[in-house]
Amino acid sequence: MTDHPFDLPYERAQAVHDEPASHNGATATPHETDDMQDMRDMAAMPDAASQPQPAALPLPVIMVRNLAKTYQLGETRVRALRGVSLRVERGEFVAVMGPSGSGKSTFMNLLGCLDTPTSGEYDLMGVPVGRMTPDQLADVRNRRIGFVFQGFNLLSRATALGNVSMPLLYAGFSKEEQERRARRALQLVGLGKRLHHKPTQLSGGQQQRVAIARALVNGPNLLLADEPTGNLDSRTSVEIMALLQALNARGLTIVLVTHEADIAAYAHRQVAFRDGRLVRDEPVLAPRSARDEMEESLRPATQPNEVHIREELP
């Protein structure tokens, strides 16, 4: 198997998954399932990034300069993006915010190589996207970028394993390698015991986990998540954010679109769009910890002191 020039820890972990892993003292907390422990085990696997490397300036995952997009709707020109410049470093977790019509969805489509800008430049891992051929762009979408959508977009008749295997099929892997990688990706997101369940047999949160596993299975450099909690209740949303934070902690670069401030608070950086312009770009000084919130929700509620009322006899 040939490594990509900019492999993520996730793909490196796949390459060494048959070797004994050192747990570094990590133990499962009482509420963790076997699959969640498996995720902790993978996080402890050897990571080439932890080995001595030659001193060099790292390439940003995303570099856009003066990006603009104009749509022609009949006789009307709609300027969806107006000169946006942004740099996202490897390992960042960025939340993209803005009201409807602000340009954030157009920006995400450009980052995902689903559309082309009217003007401006976009480099992905140092490679100019504007110079890529259609075949190269298709390879980028399949192997370099993972997509997670609000509506899950799963094949209803396929199992979790089948859904996650789909990008591997298009990438040309053998059937055996497809199953091995898909199985490992599902274990990573805590669904190792639901490999053969179809979407109708899974909860909304589990379906989104399948979608995340599908996005990860080719070892992408970048995960784009468009309103990934939009169809989920608040508790399940926290579970999904805990998974995304765990993946980010292992080195995965994540850009997440959301209109919810409480979801954006889990990121390490927030950028905001308005009228096609980038109007705010600031770090989150104290990001929320979804894992801590999950653990807190599982603790037994404190019983209030009982108040005894004694009826006074006449």
Protein backbone atom coordinates (compact mmCIF):
# COMPACT_ATOMS: atom_id res chain seq x y z
CA MET A 1 0.00 0.00 0.00
CA THR A 2 1.43 3.39 -1.02
CA ASP A 3 1.20 6.17 1.55
CA HIS A 4 -0.12 9.57 0.61
CA PRO A 5 2.37 12.47 0.85
CA PHE A 6 0.50 13.92 3.82
CA ASP A 7 -0.84 10.91 5.74
CA LEU A 8 -2.96 11.50 8.83
CA PRO A 9 -2.33 9.62 12.07
CA TYR A 10 -5.56 7.72 11.25
CA GLU A 11 -4.12 6.19 8.09
CA ARG A 12 -0.79 5.46 9.76
CA ALA A 13 -2.66 3.70 12.54
CA GLN A 14 -4.35 1.55 9.90
CA ALA A 15 -1.02 0.60 8.42
CA VAL A 16 0.27 -0.71 11.77
CA HIS A 17 -2.98 -2.06 13.19
CA ASP A 18 -1.64 -5.62 13.29
CA GLU A 19 1.27 -4.62 15.52
CA PRO A 20 0.86 -4.74 19.32
CA ALA A 21 -0.15 -1.32 20.60
CA SER A 22 1.10 0.27 23.78
CA HIS A 23 -1.82 1.59 25.79
CA ASN A 24 0.30 4.21 27.57
CA GLY A 25 -1.68 3.58 30.70
CA ALA A 26 -5.04 4.37 29.05
CA THR A 27 -7.92 2.50 30.60
CA ALA A 28 -11.58 2.46 29.82
CA THR A 29 -13.83 4.53 32.00
CA PRO A 30 -16.90 2.73 33.38
CA HIS A 31 -19.30 4.12 30.79
CA GLU A 32 -17.16 3.25 27.76
CA THR A 33 -18.19 0.42 25.44
CA ASP A 34 -15.68 -2.01 23.94
CA ASP A 35 -15.79 0.03 20.73
CA MET A 36 -14.96 3.25 22.58
CA GLN A 37 -12.01 1.46 24.21
CA ASP A 38 -10.97 0.42 20.70
CA MET A 39 -10.97 4.08 19.72
CA ARG A 40 -8.68 4.85 22.68
CA ASP A 41 -6.40 1.99 21.64
CA MET A 42 -6.08 3.39 18.12
CA ALA A 43 -5.26 6.83 19.52
CA ALA A 44 -2.34 5.24 21.40
CA MET A 45 -0.87 3.54 18.32
CA PRO A 46 2.51 4.71 17.02
CA ASP A 47 2.28 7.99 15.15
CA ALA A 48 5.01 9.06 12.76
CA ALA A 49 4.33 12.66 13.77
CA SER A 50 5.74 11.84 17.22
CA GLN A 51 9.08 10.71 15.72
CA PRO A 52 11.95 13.14 15.11
CA GLN A 53 11.35 15.05 11.89
CA PRO A 54 13.58 17.39 9.88
CA ALA A 55 12.98 21.02 10.74
CA ALA A 56 10.64 22.52 8.14
CA LEU A 57 7.79 24.96 7.94
CA PRO A 58 4.59 22.90 7.77
CA LEU A 59 2.27 23.48 4.85
CA PRO A 60 -1.21 24.69 5.78
CA VAL A 61 -4.01 22.30 4.91
CA ILE A 62 -6.06 25.19 3.48
CA MET A 63 -4.78 28.43 1.99
CA VAL A 64 -7.26 30.64 0.15
CA ARG A 65 -6.44 34.09 -1.17
CA ASN A 66 -9.02 36.62 -2.39
CA LEU A 67 -11.53 33.89 -3.16
CA ALA A 68 -14.65 35.15 -4.96
CA LYS A 69 -17.70 33.45 -6.39
CA THR A 70 -20.38 35.10 -8.53
CA TYR A 71 -23.48 33.32 -9.81
CA GLN A 72 -25.38 34.50 -12.86
CA LEU A 73 -29.12 33.97 -12.30
CA GLY A 74 -30.80 35.22 -15.46
CA GLU A 75 -29.94 38.90 -15.63
CA THR A 76 -28.98 39.03 -11.96
CA ARG A 77 -25.41 38.61 -10.71
CA VAL A 78 -25.19 37.25 -7.17
CA ARG A 79 -21.86 37.81 -5.43
CA ALA A 80 -21.83 34.87 -3.01
CA LEU A 81 -18.20 35.36 -1.93
CA ARG A 82 -16.25 38.62 -1.98
CA GLY A 83 -12.47 38.34 -1.64
CA VAL A 84 -12.16 35.80 1.17
CA SER A 85 -8.68 34.93 2.45
CA LEU A 86 -8.12 32.24 5.09
CA ARG A 87 -5.36 29.94 6.29
CA VAL A 88 -6.10 26.71 8.18
CA GLU A 89 -3.19 24.84 9.68
CA ARG A 90 -2.90 21.09 10.02
CA GLY A 91 -4.73 19.82 13.12
CA GLU A 92 -7.01 22.82 13.54
CA PHE A 93 -10.71 22.56 14.39
CA VAL A 94 -12.49 25.52 12.79
CA ALA A 95 -16.19 26.36 13.04
CA VAL A 96 -17.64 28.38 10.14
CA MET A 97 -20.65 30.45 11.13
CA GLY A 98 -23.03 32.92 9.52
CA PRO A 99 -26.70 33.50 8.76
CA SER A 100 -28.46 32.09 5.71
CA GLY A 101 -27.08 33.70 2.55
CA SER A 102 -23.83 34.74 4.21
CA GLY A 103 -21.66 32.68 1.86
CA LYS A 104 -20.57 29.93 4.26
CA SER A 105 -22.11 27.11 2.20
CA THR A 106 -20.56 28.45 -1.00
CA PHE A 107 -17.21 28.61 0.79
CA MET A 108 -17.54 24.99 1.94
CA ASN A 109 -18.41 23.86 -1.60
CA LEU A 110 -15.23 25.50 -2.85
CA LEU A 111 -13.12 23.93 -0.09
CA GLY A 112 -14.60 20.54 -0.97
CA CYS A 113 -13.76 20.98 -4.66
CA LEU A 114 -17.47 20.68 -5.45
CA ASP A 115 -17.44 24.06 -7.24
CA THR A 116 -14.89 26.41 -8.74
CA PRO A 117 -14.28 30.05 -7.77
CA THR A 118 -14.83 32.96 -10.12
CA SER A 119 -11.48 34.36 -9.03
CA GLY A 120 -8.87 33.86 -6.35
CA GLU A 121 -6.60 30.99 -5.37
CA TYR A 122 -7.06 27.85 -3.27
CA ASP A 123 -4.17 25.61 -2.25
CA LEU A 124 -4.91 22.26 -0.57
CA MET A 125 -1.86 20.89 1.26
CA GLY A 126 0.25 23.24 -0.84
CA VAL A 127 -1.19 22.10 -4.18
CA PRO A 128 -3.07 24.68 -6.31
CA VAL A 129 -6.58 23.30 -6.78
CA GLY A 130 -7.19 25.54 -9.79
CA ARG A 131 -4.54 23.66 -11.79
CA MET A 132 -5.99 20.21 -11.18
CA THR A 133 -7.58 18.15 -13.93
CA PRO A 134 -11.11 16.72 -13.48
CA ASP A 135 -9.61 13.32 -12.65
CA GLN A 136 -7.31 14.84 -10.06
CA LEU A 137 -10.22 16.72 -8.49
CA ALA A 138 -12.20 13.49 -8.30
CA ASP A 139 -9.26 11.83 -6.54
CA VAL A 140 -9.05 14.72 -4.08
CA ARG A 141 -12.74 14.40 -3.25
CA ASN A 142 -12.39 10.65 -2.78
CA ARG A 143 -9.08 10.40 -0.93
CA ARG A 144 -8.00 13.79 0.44
CA ILE A 145 -11.28 15.22 1.75
CA GLY A 146 -13.90 13.52 3.90
CA PHE A 147 -17.47 14.84 3.81
CA VAL A 148 -20.10 14.66 6.56
CA PHE A 149 -23.56 16.04 5.84
CA GLN A 150 -26.58 16.96 7.91
CA GLY A 151 -28.76 14.32 6.24
CA PHE A 152 -26.28 11.39 6.61
CA ASN A 153 -26.68 10.43 2.89
CA LEU A 154 -26.47 6.68 3.53
CA LEU A 155 -27.61 3.96 1.11
CA SER A 156 -30.77 2.59 2.72
CA ARG A 157 -30.32 -0.98 1.42
CA ALA A 158 -26.65 -1.26 2.35
CA THR A 159 -25.26 -2.24 5.74
CA ALA A 160 -22.99 0.03 7.75
CA LEU A 161 -20.05 -1.96 6.37
CA GLY A 162 -21.33 -1.55 2.82
CA ASN A 163 -21.85 2.19 3.18
CA VAL A 164 -18.37 2.75 4.60
CA SER A 165 -16.80 0.53 1.92
CA MET A 166 -18.19 2.61 -0.94
CA PRO A 167 -15.33 5.17 -1.21
CA LEU A 168 -12.84 2.30 -1.14
CA LEU A 169 -14.60 0.66 -4.06
CA TYR A 170 -14.21 3.82 -6.14
CA ALA A 171 -10.57 4.09 -5.00
CA GLY A 172 -9.87 0.66 -6.50
CA PHE A 173 -9.08 -1.36 -3.37
CA SER A 174 -9.61 -5.11 -3.33
CA LYS A 175 -12.72 -6.51 -1.67
CA GLU A 176 -10.66 -7.83 1.24
CA GLU A 177 -8.96 -4.48 1.78
CA GLN A 178 -12.30 -2.69 1.54
CA GLU A 179 -13.75 -4.81 4.32
CA ARG A 180 -10.65 -4.51 6.50
CA ARG A 181 -10.53 -0.73 6.27
CA ALA A 182 -14.28 -0.26 6.59
CA ARG A 183 -14.42 -2.53 9.63
CA ARG A 184 -11.58 -0.59 11.26
CA ALA A 185 -13.23 2.76 10.53
CA LEU A 186 -16.49 1.59 12.12
CA GLN A 187 -14.58 0.38 15.17
CA LEU A 188 -12.95 3.79 15.37
CA VAL A 189 -16.34 5.51 15.70
CA GLY A 190 -17.70 2.98 18.18
CA LEU A 191 -19.81 0.85 15.84
CA GLY A 192 -17.75 -2.32 15.71
CA LYS A 193 -20.73 -4.37 16.85
CA ARG A 194 -23.15 -2.94 14.27
CA LEU A 195 -21.29 -3.70 11.06
CA HIS A 196 -24.23 -5.47 9.44
CA HIS A 197 -27.00 -3.12 10.55
CA LYS A 198 -28.83 -1.12 7.88
CA PRO A 199 -29.65 2.58 8.38
CA THR A 200 -33.24 1.82 9.40
CA GLN A 201 -31.88 -0.33 12.24
CA LEU A 202 -29.70 2.49 13.59
CA SER A 203 -30.49 5.62 15.57
CA GLY A 204 -29.82 9.06 14.12
CA GLY A 205 -26.59 9.37 16.07
CA GLN A 206 -25.44 5.94 14.91
CA GLN A 207 -26.24 6.82 11.29
CA GLN A 208 -24.11 9.94 11.60
CA ARG A 209 -21.30 7.82 13.05
CA VAL A 210 -21.51 5.59 9.97
CA ALA A 211 -21.29 8.73 7.82
CA ILE A 212 -18.21 9.88 9.76
CA ALA A 213 -16.60 6.45 9.35
CA ARG A 214 -17.27 6.67 5.60
CA ALA A 215 -15.60 10.09 5.54
CA LEU A 216 -12.54 8.73 7.36
CA VAL A 217 -12.06 5.43 5.57
CA ASN A 218 -9.64 6.72 2.91
CA GLY A 219 -7.47 8.56 5.45
CA PRO A 220 -8.27 12.14 4.35
CA ASN A 221 -6.22 15.22 5.14
CA LEU A 222 -9.34 17.28 5.79
CA LEU A 223 -12.81 16.60 7.18
CA LEU A 224 -15.60 18.96 6.07
CA ALA A 225 -18.72 18.69 8.24
CA ASP A 226 -21.80 20.60 7.07
CA GLU A 227 -24.27 20.95 9.98
CA PRO A 228 -23.45 17.43 11.24
CA THR A 229 -25.72 17.79 14.29
CA GLY A 230 -28.59 19.54 12.50
CA ASN A 231 -30.86 16.47 12.51
CA LEU A 232 -29.93 15.26 15.99
CA ASP A 233 -31.23 15.91 19.50
CA SER A 234 -29.05 17.76 21.99
CA ARG A 235 -27.66 14.68 23.76
CA THR A 236 -26.78 12.90 20.51
CA SER A 237 -25.24 16.13 19.23
CA VAL A 238 -22.85 16.12 22.18
CA GLU A 239 -21.89 12.51 21.39
CA ILE A 240 -21.08 13.43 17.78
CA MET A 241 -19.06 16.45 18.90
CA ALA A 242 -17.15 14.24 21.35
CA LEU A 243 -16.23 11.98 18.44
CA LEU A 244 -15.13 14.92 16.27
CA GLN A 245 -13.06 16.36 19.13
CA ALA A 246 -11.40 12.96 19.67
CA LEU A 247 -10.53 12.74 15.98
CA ASN A 248 -9.18 16.28 16.00
CA ALA A 249 -7.07 15.48 19.07
CA ARG A 250 -5.41 12.77 16.97
CA GLY A 251 -4.42 15.26 14.28
CA LEU A 252 -7.37 15.38 11.88
CA THR A 253 -8.06 18.85 10.49
CA ILE A 254 -11.78 19.67 10.73
CA VAL A 255 -13.82 22.52 9.26
CA LEU A 256 -17.39 22.49 10.50
CA VAL A 257 -20.30 24.64 9.30
CA THR A 258 -22.93 25.43 11.89
CA HIS A 259 -25.44 28.14 12.71
CA GLU A 260 -25.55 27.08 16.37
CA ALA A 261 -23.26 28.99 18.72
CA ASP A 262 -23.24 26.17 21.27
CA ILE A 263 -21.94 23.73 18.64
CA ALA A 264 -19.31 26.21 17.42
CA ALA A 265 -18.10 26.48 21.03
CA TYR A 266 -16.58 22.97 20.73
CA ALA A 267 -14.14 24.18 18.05
CA HIS A 268 -10.80 25.85 18.72
CA ARG A 269 -11.38 28.66 16.25
CA GLN A 270 -14.43 30.42 14.87
CA VAL A 271 -14.79 32.32 11.61
CA ALA A 272 -17.95 34.16 10.65
CA PHE A 273 -19.32 35.17 7.25
CA ARG A 274 -21.74 37.96 6.37
CA ASP A 275 -22.76 39.14 2.91
CA GLY A 276 -20.06 37.03 1.28
CA ARG A 277 -17.25 38.46 3.40
CA LEU A 278 -15.22 37.01 6.24
CA VAL A 279 -16.07 39.38 9.10
CA ARG A 280 -14.66 37.57 12.14
CA ASP A 281 -11.79 35.17 12.77
CA GLU A 282 -10.86 34.47 16.38
CA PRO A 283 -9.69 31.65 18.64
CA VAL A 284 -11.98 30.00 21.17
CA LEU A 285 -10.13 30.57 24.42
CA ALA A 286 -11.95 27.86 26.38
CA PRO A 287 -13.57 25.31 24.05
CA ARG A 288 -16.33 23.16 25.48
CA SER A 289 -15.38 19.54 26.13
CA ALA A 290 -18.06 17.22 24.80
CA ARG A 291 -16.45 14.24 26.53
CA ASP A 292 -16.62 15.97 29.91
CA GLU A 293 -20.25 16.84 29.28
CA MET A 294 -21.04 13.22 28.39
CA GLU A 295 -19.37 11.98 31.57
CA GLU A 296 -21.22 14.55 33.63
CA SER A 297 -24.56 13.47 32.16
CA LEU A 298 -23.86 9.86 33.14
CA ARG A 299 -23.19 10.63 36.80
CA PRO A 300 -26.06 9.82 39.16
CA ALA A 301 -28.14 12.86 39.97
CA THR A 302 -27.66 14.15 43.50
CA GLN A 303 -30.70 13.37 45.61
CA PRO A 304 -32.05 16.47 47.36
CA ASN A 305 -32.42 16.35 51.14
CA GLU A 306 -35.72 14.84 52.04
CA VAL A 307 -38.11 17.09 53.89
CA HIS A 308 -40.35 15.32 56.36
CA ILE A 309 -43.66 16.95 57.20
CA ARG A 310 -45.17 15.89 60.48
CA GLU A 311 -48.79 16.72 60.90
CA GLU A 312 -49.41 18.26 64.29
CA LEU A 313 -52.24 16.62 66.17
CA PRO A 314 -54.86 18.86 67.85
